[in-house]
Amino acid sequence: MSRAPRFAGYALMALAALLAVLMRRGAIGDIGPFPAAVVALLVGMIGVMLVFTDLMVRGLYAQVGAAKAREEEGRDGRDG
């Protein structure tokens, strides 16, 4: 399983933080037709969704793997 989506999510969150800093300093006001705050919130939200989704899927796979290991361990114990 690739960790690329999680790292992309971290990069998007860092970009949102950078946009927030630039807005705070007054260096940027709009990005195209949209206010920079809207773009920062959207980019940050997508980044958080990518990171949390990746972590939840990894946790689910870990639980399934542990359950399979317990099941196989139980089978091996009963056969002997």
PDB file of N, CA and C in Angstrom:
ATOM      1  N   MET A   1       0.834  -1.176   0.000  1.00  0.00           N
ATOM      2  CA  MET A   1       0.000   0.000   0.000  1.00  0.00           C
ATOM      3  C   MET A   1       0.882   1.244   0.000  1.00  0.00           C
ATOM      4  N   SER A   2       0.628   2.117  -0.890  1.00  0.00           N
ATOM      5  CA  SER A   2       1.443   3.319  -1.045  1.00  0.00           C
ATOM      6  C   SER A   2       1.062   4.389  -0.019  1.00  0.00           C
ATOM      7  N   ARG A   3       2.065   5.118   0.427  1.00  0.00           N
ATOM      8  CA  ARG A   3       1.818   6.227   1.352  1.00  0.00           C
ATOM      9  C   ARG A   3       1.705   7.557   0.615  1.00  0.00           C
ATOM     10  N   ALA A   4       1.700   7.515  -0.699  1.00  0.00           N
ATOM     11  CA  ALA A   4       1.654   8.742  -1.499  1.00  0.00           C
ATOM     12  C   ALA A   4       0.423   9.606  -1.204  1.00  0.00           C
ATOM     13  N   PRO A   5      -0.779   9.026  -1.044  1.00  0.00           N
ATOM     14  CA  PRO A   5      -1.928   9.895  -0.742  1.00  0.00           C
ATOM     15  C   PRO A   5      -1.769  10.655   0.574  1.00  0.00           C
ATOM     16  N   ARG A   6      -1.189   9.984   1.578  1.00  0.00           N
ATOM     17  CA  ARG A   6      -1.007  10.675   2.857  1.00  0.00           C
ATOM     18  C   ARG A   6      -0.006  11.812   2.721  1.00  0.00           C
ATOM     19  N   PHE A   7       1.091  11.563   2.013  1.00  0.00           N
ATOM     20  CA  PHE A   7       2.086  12.620   1.828  1.00  0.00           C
ATOM     21  C   PHE A   7       1.533  13.760   0.976  1.00  0.00           C
ATOM     22  N   ALA A   8       0.682  13.431  -0.003  1.00  0.00           N
ATOM     23  CA  ALA A   8       0.027  14.485  -0.786  1.00  0.00           C
ATOM     24  C   ALA A   8      -0.894  15.307   0.113  1.00  0.00           C
ATOM     25  N   GLY A   9      -1.569  14.645   1.039  1.00  0.00           N
ATOM     26  CA  GLY A   9      -2.415  15.357   1.988  1.00  0.00           C
ATOM     27  C   GLY A   9      -1.613  16.290   2.877  1.00  0.00           C
ATOM     28  N   TYR A  10      -0.456  15.815   3.342  1.00  0.00           N
ATOM     29  CA  TYR A  10       0.413  16.682   4.148  1.00  0.00           C
ATOM     30  C   TYR A  10       0.873  17.889   3.334  1.00  0.00           C
ATOM     31  N   ALA A  11       1.193  17.660   2.060  1.00  0.00           N
ATOM     32  CA  ALA A  11       1.634  18.767   1.203  1.00  0.00           C
ATOM     33  C   ALA A  11       0.506  19.785   1.005  1.00  0.00           C
ATOM     34  N   LEU A  12      -0.713  19.304   0.825  1.00  0.00           N
ATOM     35  CA  LEU A  12      -1.846  20.221   0.669  1.00  0.00           C
ATOM     36  C   LEU A  12      -2.095  21.020   1.951  1.00  0.00           C
ATOM     37  N   MET A  13      -1.936  20.377   3.106  1.00  0.00           N
ATOM     38  CA  MET A  13      -2.105  21.112   4.361  1.00  0.00           C
ATOM     39  C   MET A  13      -1.011  22.160   4.529  1.00  0.00           C
ATOM     40  N   ALA A  14       0.215  21.823   4.113  1.00  0.00           N
ATOM     41  CA  ALA A  14       1.306  22.800   4.184  1.00  0.00           C
ATOM     42  C   ALA A  14       1.039  23.970   3.238  1.00  0.00           C
ATOM     43  N   LEU A  15       0.496  23.679   2.058  1.00  0.00           N
ATOM     44  CA  LEU A  15       0.150  24.740   1.119  1.00  0.00           C
ATOM     45  C   LEU A  15      -0.927  25.655   1.705  1.00  0.00           C
ATOM     46  N   ALA A  16      -1.904  25.073   2.382  1.00  0.00           N
ATOM     47  CA  ALA A  16      -2.949  25.885   3.019  1.00  0.00           C
ATOM     48  C   ALA A  16      -2.352  26.779   4.103  1.00  0.00           C
ATOM     49  N   ALA A  17      -1.409  26.242   4.867  1.00  0.00           N
ATOM     50  CA  ALA A  17      -0.752  27.055   5.900  1.00  0.00           C
ATOM     51  C   ALA A  17       0.063  28.179   5.268  1.00  0.00           C
ATOM     52  N   LEU A  18       0.731  27.881   4.161  1.00  0.00           N
ATOM     53  CA  LEU A  18       1.502  28.910   3.456  1.00  0.00           C
ATOM     54  C   LEU A  18       0.579  30.011   2.930  1.00  0.00           C
ATOM     55  N   LEU A  19      -0.555  29.632   2.371  1.00  0.00           N
ATOM     56  CA  LEU A  19      -1.524  30.628   1.910  1.00  0.00           C
ATOM     57  C   LEU A  19      -2.024  31.489   3.067  1.00  0.00           C
ATOM     58  N   ALA A  20      -2.239  30.865   4.221  1.00  0.00           N
ATOM     59  CA  ALA A  20      -2.696  31.627   5.385  1.00  0.00           C
ATOM     60  C   ALA A  20      -1.649  32.644   5.822  1.00  0.00           C
ATOM     61  N   VAL A  21      -0.383  32.241   5.800  1.00  0.00           N
ATOM     62  CA  VAL A  21       0.693  33.170   6.173  1.00  0.00           C
ATOM     63  C   VAL A  21       0.772  34.318   5.174  1.00  0.00           C
ATOM     64  N   LEU A  22       0.667  34.001   3.887  1.00  0.00           N
ATOM     65  CA  LEU A  22       0.717  35.049   2.865  1.00  0.00           C
ATOM     66  C   LEU A  22      -0.465  36.006   2.986  1.00  0.00           C
ATOM     67  N   MET A  23      -1.638  35.472   3.320  1.00  0.00           N
ATOM     68  CA  MET A  23      -2.800  36.346   3.514  1.00  0.00           C
ATOM     69  C   MET A  23      -2.599  37.238   4.733  1.00  0.00           C
ATOM     70  N   ARG A  24      -2.037  36.679   5.782  1.00  0.00           N
ATOM     71  CA  ARG A  24      -1.823  37.445   7.013  1.00  0.00           C
ATOM     72  C   ARG A  24      -0.866  38.607   6.774  1.00  0.00           C
ATOM     73  N   ARG A  25       0.145  38.378   5.938  1.00  0.00           N
ATOM     74  CA  ARG A  25       1.117  39.431   5.629  1.00  0.00           C
ATOM     75  C   ARG A  25       0.609  40.400   4.571  1.00  0.00           C
ATOM     76  N   GLY A  26      -0.502  40.092   3.965  1.00  0.00           N
ATOM     77  CA  GLY A  26      -1.082  40.970   2.954  1.00  0.00           C
ATOM     78  C   GLY A  26      -0.468  40.804   1.577  1.00  0.00           C
ATOM     79  N   ALA A  27       0.293  39.740   1.370  1.00  0.00           N
ATOM     80  CA  ALA A  27       0.953  39.519   0.089  1.00  0.00           C
ATOM     81  C   ALA A  27      -0.003  38.974  -0.968  1.00  0.00           C
ATOM     82  N   ILE A  28      -1.102  38.409  -0.532  1.00  0.00           N
ATOM     83  CA  ILE A  28      -2.032  37.800  -1.480  1.00  0.00           C
ATOM     84  C   ILE A  28      -3.458  38.097  -1.006  1.00  0.00           C
ATOM     85  N   GLY A  29      -4.318  38.399  -1.938  1.00  0.00           N
ATOM     86  CA  GLY A  29      -5.704  38.692  -1.591  1.00  0.00           C
ATOM     87  C   GLY A  29      -6.671  37.762  -2.285  1.00  0.00           C
ATOM     88  N   ASP A  30      -6.447  37.568  -3.579  1.00  0.00           N
ATOM     89  CA  ASP A  30      -7.324  36.716  -4.376  1.00  0.00           C
ATOM     90  C   ASP A  30      -6.485  35.755  -5.198  1.00  0.00           C
ATOM     91  N   ILE A  31      -7.065  34.592  -5.473  1.00  0.00           N
ATOM     92  CA  ILE A  31      -6.465  33.622  -6.385  1.00  0.00           C
ATOM     93  C   ILE A  31      -7.492  33.426  -7.487  1.00  0.00           C
ATOM     94  N   GLY A  32      -7.246  34.054  -8.611  1.00  0.00           N
ATOM     95  CA  GLY A  32      -8.237  34.053  -9.679  1.00  0.00           C
ATOM     96  C   GLY A  32      -9.480  34.781  -9.199  1.00  0.00           C
ATOM     97  N   PRO A  33     -10.650  34.210  -9.430  1.00  0.00           N
ATOM     98  CA  PRO A  33     -11.883  34.884  -9.001  1.00  0.00           C
ATOM     99  C   PRO A  33     -12.253  34.601  -7.539  1.00  0.00           C
ATOM    100  N   PHE A  34     -11.442  33.793  -6.836  1.00  0.00           N
ATOM    101  CA  PHE A  34     -11.787  33.367  -5.482  1.00  0.00           C
ATOM    102  C   PHE A  34     -10.919  34.064  -4.438  1.00  0.00           C
ATOM    103  N   PRO A  35     -11.484  34.367  -3.287  1.00  0.00           N
ATOM    104  CA  PRO A  35     -10.663  34.890  -2.188  1.00  0.00           C
ATOM    105  C   PRO A  35      -9.663  33.820  -1.735  1.00  0.00           C
ATOM    106  N   ALA A  36      -8.496  34.252  -1.316  1.00  0.00           N
ATOM    107  CA  ALA A  36      -7.448  33.305  -0.919  1.00  0.00           C
ATOM    108  C   ALA A  36      -7.878  32.463   0.278  1.00  0.00           C
ATOM    109  N   ALA A  37      -8.703  33.006   1.152  1.00  0.00           N
ATOM    110  CA  ALA A  37      -9.160  32.244   2.319  1.00  0.00           C
ATOM    111  C   ALA A  37      -9.983  31.032   1.892  1.00  0.00           C
ATOM    112  N   VAL A  38     -10.805  31.204   0.875  1.00  0.00           N
ATOM    113  CA  VAL A  38     -11.621  30.094   0.380  1.00  0.00           C
ATOM    114  C   VAL A  38     -10.727  29.004  -0.197  1.00  0.00           C
ATOM    115  N   VAL A  39      -9.737  29.401  -0.964  1.00  0.00           N
ATOM    116  CA  VAL A  39      -8.815  28.432  -1.565  1.00  0.00           C
ATOM    117  C   VAL A  39      -8.029  27.715  -0.474  1.00  0.00           C
ATOM    118  N   ALA A  40      -7.559  28.458   0.530  1.00  0.00           N
ATOM    119  CA  ALA A  40      -6.796  27.846   1.620  1.00  0.00           C
ATOM    120  C   ALA A  40      -7.650  26.839   2.387  1.00  0.00           C
ATOM    121  N   LEU A  41      -8.896  27.193   2.666  1.00  0.00           N
ATOM    122  CA  LEU A  41      -9.777  26.270   3.382  1.00  0.00           C
ATOM    123  C   LEU A  41     -10.063  25.015   2.565  1.00  0.00           C
ATOM    124  N   LEU A  42     -10.318  25.178   1.283  1.00  0.00           N
ATOM    125  CA  LEU A  42     -10.606  24.029   0.425  1.00  0.00           C
ATOM    126  C   LEU A  42      -9.397  23.110   0.308  1.00  0.00           C
ATOM    127  N   VAL A  43      -8.235  23.690   0.055  1.00  0.00           N
ATOM    128  CA  VAL A  43      -7.013  22.891  -0.096  1.00  0.00           C
ATOM    129  C   VAL A  43      -6.685  22.174   1.213  1.00  0.00           C
ATOM    130  N   GLY A  44      -6.805  22.879   2.327  1.00  0.00           N
ATOM    131  CA  GLY A  44      -6.537  22.256   3.621  1.00  0.00           C
ATOM    132  C   GLY A  44      -7.509  21.138   3.936  1.00  0.00           C
ATOM    133  N   MET A  45      -8.783  21.337   3.605  1.00  0.00           N
ATOM    134  CA  MET A  45      -9.794  20.321   3.863  1.00  0.00           C
ATOM    135  C   MET A  45      -9.532  19.063   3.035  1.00  0.00           C
ATOM    136  N   ILE A  46      -9.170  19.235   1.787  1.00  0.00           N
ATOM    137  CA  ILE A  46      -8.858  18.078   0.947  1.00  0.00           C
ATOM    138  C   ILE A  46      -7.637  17.346   1.498  1.00  0.00           C
ATOM    139  N   GLY A  47      -6.636  18.089   1.944  1.00  0.00           N
ATOM    140  CA  GLY A  47      -5.451  17.472   2.531  1.00  0.00           C
ATOM    141  C   GLY A  47      -5.778  16.664   3.773  1.00  0.00           C
ATOM    142  N   VAL A  48      -6.596  17.223   4.649  1.00  0.00           N
ATOM    143  CA  VAL A  48      -6.979  16.511   5.873  1.00  0.00           C
ATOM    144  C   VAL A  48      -7.768  15.252   5.530  1.00  0.00           C
ATOM    145  N   MET A  49      -8.658  15.340   4.545  1.00  0.00           N
ATOM    146  CA  MET A  49      -9.430  14.160   4.145  1.00  0.00           C
ATOM    147  C   MET A  49      -8.518  13.061   3.614  1.00  0.00           C
ATOM    148  N   LEU A  50      -7.515  13.421   2.820  1.00  0.00           N
ATOM    149  CA  LEU A  50      -6.584  12.418   2.301  1.00  0.00           C
ATOM    150  C   LEU A  50      -5.808  11.742   3.425  1.00  0.00           C
ATOM    151  N   VAL A  51      -5.313  12.528   4.361  1.00  0.00           N
ATOM    152  CA  VAL A  51      -4.524  11.966   5.460  1.00  0.00           C
ATOM    153  C   VAL A  51      -5.388  11.063   6.338  1.00  0.00           C
ATOM    154  N   PHE A  52      -6.543  11.541   6.774  1.00  0.00           N
ATOM    155  CA  PHE A  52      -7.391  10.742   7.651  1.00  0.00           C
ATOM    156  C   PHE A  52      -7.892   9.483   6.958  1.00  0.00           C
ATOM    157  N   THR A  53      -8.240   9.580   5.688  1.00  0.00           N
ATOM    158  CA  THR A  53      -8.703   8.400   4.965  1.00  0.00           C
ATOM    159  C   THR A  53      -7.603   7.357   4.880  1.00  0.00           C
ATOM    160  N   ASP A  54      -6.386   7.789   4.569  1.00  0.00           N
ATOM    161  CA  ASP A  54      -5.268   6.852   4.490  1.00  0.00           C
ATOM    162  C   ASP A  54      -5.029   6.180   5.840  1.00  0.00           C
ATOM    163  N   LEU A  55      -5.053   6.953   6.915  1.00  0.00           N
ATOM    164  CA  LEU A  55      -4.812   6.382   8.240  1.00  0.00           C
ATOM    165  C   LEU A  55      -5.932   5.431   8.654  1.00  0.00           C
ATOM    166  N   MET A  56      -7.181   5.763   8.326  1.00  0.00           N
ATOM    167  CA  MET A  56      -8.296   4.875   8.677  1.00  0.00           C
ATOM    168  C   MET A  56      -8.224   3.567   7.900  1.00  0.00           C
ATOM    169  N   VAL A  57      -7.875   3.635   6.621  1.00  0.00           N
ATOM    170  CA  VAL A  57      -7.771   2.419   5.815  1.00  0.00           C
ATOM    171  C   VAL A  57      -6.632   1.549   6.327  1.00  0.00           C
ATOM    172  N   ARG A  58      -5.515   2.165   6.685  1.00  0.00           N
ATOM    173  CA  ARG A  58      -4.400   1.388   7.238  1.00  0.00           C
ATOM    174  C   ARG A  58      -4.795   0.722   8.556  1.00  0.00           C
ATOM    175  N   GLY A  59      -5.534   1.434   9.394  1.00  0.00           N
ATOM    176  CA  GLY A  59      -5.998   0.846  10.647  1.00  0.00           C
ATOM    177  C   GLY A  59      -6.954  -0.307  10.413  1.00  0.00           C
ATOM    178  N   LEU A  60      -7.830  -0.171   9.426  1.00  0.00           N
ATOM    179  CA  LEU A  60      -8.766  -1.242   9.101  1.00  0.00           C
ATOM    180  C   LEU A  60      -8.022  -2.475   8.608  1.00  0.00           C
ATOM    181  N   TYR A  61      -7.045  -2.283   7.716  1.00  0.00           N
ATOM    182  CA  TYR A  61      -6.251  -3.413   7.237  1.00  0.00           C
ATOM    183  C   TYR A  61      -5.495  -4.074   8.378  1.00  0.00           C
ATOM    184  N   ALA A  62      -4.997  -3.297   9.328  1.00  0.00           N
ATOM    185  CA  ALA A  62      -4.281  -3.866  10.471  1.00  0.00           C
ATOM    186  C   ALA A  62      -5.223  -4.713  11.328  1.00  0.00           C
ATOM    187  N   GLN A  63      -6.454  -4.245  11.533  1.00  0.00           N
ATOM    188  CA  GLN A  63      -7.418  -5.015  12.318  1.00  0.00           C
ATOM    189  C   GLN A  63      -7.794  -6.309  11.615  1.00  0.00           C
ATOM    190  N   VAL A  64      -7.992  -6.251  10.308  1.00  0.00           N
ATOM    191  CA  VAL A  64      -8.337  -7.455   9.551  1.00  0.00           C
ATOM    192  C   VAL A  64      -7.179  -8.441   9.599  1.00  0.00           C
ATOM    193  N   GLY A  65      -5.960  -7.940   9.452  1.00  0.00           N
ATOM    194  CA  GLY A  65      -4.787  -8.814   9.515  1.00  0.00           C
ATOM    195  C   GLY A  65      -4.633  -9.459  10.882  1.00  0.00           C
ATOM    196  N   ALA A  66      -4.875  -8.711  11.939  1.00  0.00           N
ATOM    197  CA  ALA A  66      -4.774  -9.269  13.289  1.00  0.00           C
ATOM    198  C   ALA A  66      -5.860 -10.314  13.525  1.00  0.00           C
ATOM    199  N   ALA A  67      -7.064 -10.067  13.030  1.00  0.00           N
ATOM    200  CA  ALA A  67      -8.150 -11.036  13.190  1.00  0.00           C
ATOM    201  C   ALA A  67      -7.845 -12.324  12.435  1.00  0.00           C
ATOM    202  N   LYS A  68      -7.288 -12.207  11.244  1.00  0.00           N
ATOM    203  CA  LYS A  68      -6.925 -13.408  10.485  1.00  0.00           C
ATOM    204  C   LYS A  68      -5.826 -14.181  11.190  1.00  0.00           C
ATOM    205  N   ALA A  69      -4.864 -13.467  11.761  1.00  0.00           N
ATOM    206  CA  ALA A  69      -3.776 -14.135  12.480  1.00  0.00           C
ATOM    207  C   ALA A  69      -4.314 -14.872  13.704  1.00  0.00           C
ATOM    208  N   ARG A  70      -5.250 -14.253  14.450  1.00  0.00           N
ATOM    209  CA  ARG A  70      -5.848 -14.927  15.613  1.00  0.00           C
ATOM    210  C   ARG A  70      -6.643 -16.152  15.182  1.00  0.00           C
ATOM    211  N   GLU A  71      -7.353 -16.019  14.060  1.00  0.00           N
ATOM    212  CA  GLU A  71      -8.154 -17.139  13.569  1.00  0.00           C
ATOM    213  C   GLU A  71      -7.263 -18.307  13.169  1.00  0.00           C
ATOM    214  N   GLU A  72      -6.184 -18.022  12.471  1.00  0.00           N
ATOM    215  CA  GLU A  72      -5.274 -19.087  12.058  1.00  0.00           C
ATOM    216  C   GLU A  72      -4.547 -19.680  13.259  1.00  0.00           C
ATOM    217  N   GLU A  73      -4.237 -18.857  14.240  1.00  0.00           N
ATOM    218  CA  GLU A  73      -3.594 -19.353  15.453  1.00  0.00           C
ATOM    219  C   GLU A  73      -4.542 -20.287  16.197  1.00  0.00           C
ATOM    220  N   GLY A  74      -5.811 -19.949  16.236  1.00  0.00           N
ATOM    221  CA  GLY A  74      -6.810 -20.802  16.881  1.00  0.00           C
ATOM    222  C   GLY A  74      -6.971 -22.119  16.157  1.00  0.00           C
ATOM    223  N   ARG A  75      -6.924 -22.111  14.848  1.00  0.00           N
ATOM    224  CA  ARG A  75      -7.030 -23.347  14.066  1.00  0.00           C
ATOM    225  C   ARG A  75      -5.828 -24.241  14.315  1.00  0.00           C
ATOM    226  N   ASP A  76      -4.646 -23.644  14.354  1.00  0.00           N
ATOM    227  CA  ASP A  76      -3.433 -24.430  14.575  1.00  0.00           C
ATOM    228  C   ASP A  76      -3.446 -25.057  15.966  1.00  0.00           C
ATOM    229  N   GLY A  77      -3.968 -24.374  16.946  1.00  0.00           N
ATOM    230  CA  GLY A  77      -4.015 -24.886  18.310  1.00  0.00           C
ATOM    231  C   GLY A  77      -4.994 -26.036  18.466  1.00  0.00           C
ATOM    232  N   ARG A  78      -6.080 -26.027  17.725  1.00  0.00           N
ATOM    233  CA  ARG A  78      -7.087 -27.085  17.823  1.00  0.00           C
ATOM    234  C   ARG A  78      -6.654 -28.350  17.095  1.00  0.00           C
ATOM    235  N   ASP A  79      -5.869 -28.210  16.043  1.00  0.00           N
ATOM    236  CA  ASP A  79      -5.476 -29.377  15.254  1.00  0.00           C
ATOM    237  C   ASP A  79      -4.452 -30.230  15.990  1.00  0.00           C
ATOM    238  N   GLY A  80      -3.633 -29.618  16.819  1.00  0.00           N
ATOM    239  CA  GLY A  80      -2.510 -30.324  17.444  1.00  0.00           C
ATOM    240  C   GLY A  80      -2.919 -30.916  18.695  1.00  0.00           C
TER     241      GLY A  80
END
